[in-house]
């Protein structure tokens, strides 16, 4: 899951760098279909402050599996 979280982190930085997301608005997510897990940028976390380990893992029903921040 660490690779998925890292990929989602980098995708979110790319959104910021291209001017497609500002402040805390907008996000990218990634899915591991085999495991039924989605990684998503946490809500309300500034792009400059986020880290790969901040990405929240949820199942396909939206239940948080890992992370303390709100997806």
Protein backbone atom coordinates (compact mmCIF):
# COMPACT_ATOMS: atom_id res chain seq x y z
CA UNK A 1 0.00 0.00 0.00
CA UNK A 2 2.97 2.31 0.48
CA UNK A 3 3.55 2.40 -3.30
CA UNK A 4 -0.08 3.39 -3.87
CA UNK A 5 0.13 6.13 -1.23
CA UNK A 6 3.37 7.45 -2.77
CA UNK A 7 1.83 7.48 -6.27
CA UNK A 8 -1.23 9.38 -5.03
CA UNK A 9 0.98 11.83 -3.14
CA UNK A 10 3.00 12.52 -6.30
CA UNK A 11 -0.15 12.87 -8.41
CA UNK A 12 -1.48 15.48 -6.00
CA UNK A 13 1.79 17.42 -6.18
CA UNK A 14 1.50 17.31 -9.97
CA UNK A 15 -1.99 18.84 -9.75
CA UNK A 16 -0.59 21.63 -7.59
CA UNK A 17 2.44 22.19 -9.81
CA UNK A 18 0.27 22.49 -12.92
CA UNK A 19 -2.07 24.97 -11.23
CA UNK A 20 -5.00 22.55 -11.25
CA UNK A 21 -5.45 22.59 -7.46
CA UNK A 22 -4.97 25.47 -5.05
CA UNK A 23 -4.86 25.77 -1.28
CA UNK A 24 -6.59 22.56 -0.15
CA UNK A 25 -9.04 22.25 -3.07
CA UNK A 26 -8.88 19.40 -5.53
CA UNK A 27 -7.30 16.01 -5.21
CA UNK A 28 -6.22 12.87 -6.98
CA UNK A 29 -6.86 9.37 -5.76
CA UNK A 30 -5.64 5.93 -6.76
CA UNK A 31 -7.14 2.47 -6.59
CA UNK A 32 -5.81 -1.03 -6.03
CA UNK A 33 -8.65 -3.00 -7.61
CA UNK A 34 -7.31 -6.38 -6.51
CA UNK A 35 -7.43 -5.36 -2.86
CA UNK A 36 -10.44 -3.07 -3.15
CA UNK A 37 -8.55 -0.15 -1.62
CA UNK A 38 -8.48 3.51 -2.61
CA UNK A 39 -5.82 6.01 -1.51
CA UNK A 40 -6.91 9.64 -1.39
CA UNK A 41 -5.47 12.97 -0.29
CA UNK A 42 -6.91 13.97 3.08
CA UNK A 43 -9.38 16.86 3.14
CA UNK A 44 -8.18 20.22 4.36
CA UNK A 45 -4.46 19.43 4.23
CA UNK A 46 -2.40 21.98 2.32
CA UNK A 47 -0.32 20.58 -0.52
CA UNK A 48 2.86 22.05 0.96
CA UNK A 49 2.21 20.32 4.29
CA UNK A 50 1.16 16.85 3.12
CA UNK A 51 3.38 13.78 3.10
CA UNK A 52 2.92 10.35 1.49
CA UNK A 53 2.00 8.84 4.85
CA UNK A 54 -0.89 11.34 5.14
CA UNK A 55 -2.78 9.66 2.29
CA UNK A 56 -5.91 7.96 3.61
CA UNK A 57 -6.81 4.41 2.61
CA UNK A 58 -10.50 3.57 2.26
CA UNK A 59 -12.38 0.53 1.03
CA UNK A 60 -14.79 0.68 -1.90
CA UNK A 61 -17.63 1.55 0.49
CA UNK A 62 -15.70 4.58 1.80
CA UNK A 63 -14.79 3.06 5.17
CA UNK A 64 -11.42 4.35 6.40
CA UNK A 65 -8.94 1.49 6.62
CA UNK A 66 -5.82 3.47 7.45
CA UNK A 67 -5.16 7.08 8.39
CA UNK A 68 -6.26 9.54 11.00
CA UNK A 69 -7.26 12.37 8.68
CA UNK A 70 -10.59 12.79 6.90
CA UNK A 71 -10.63 11.66 3.25
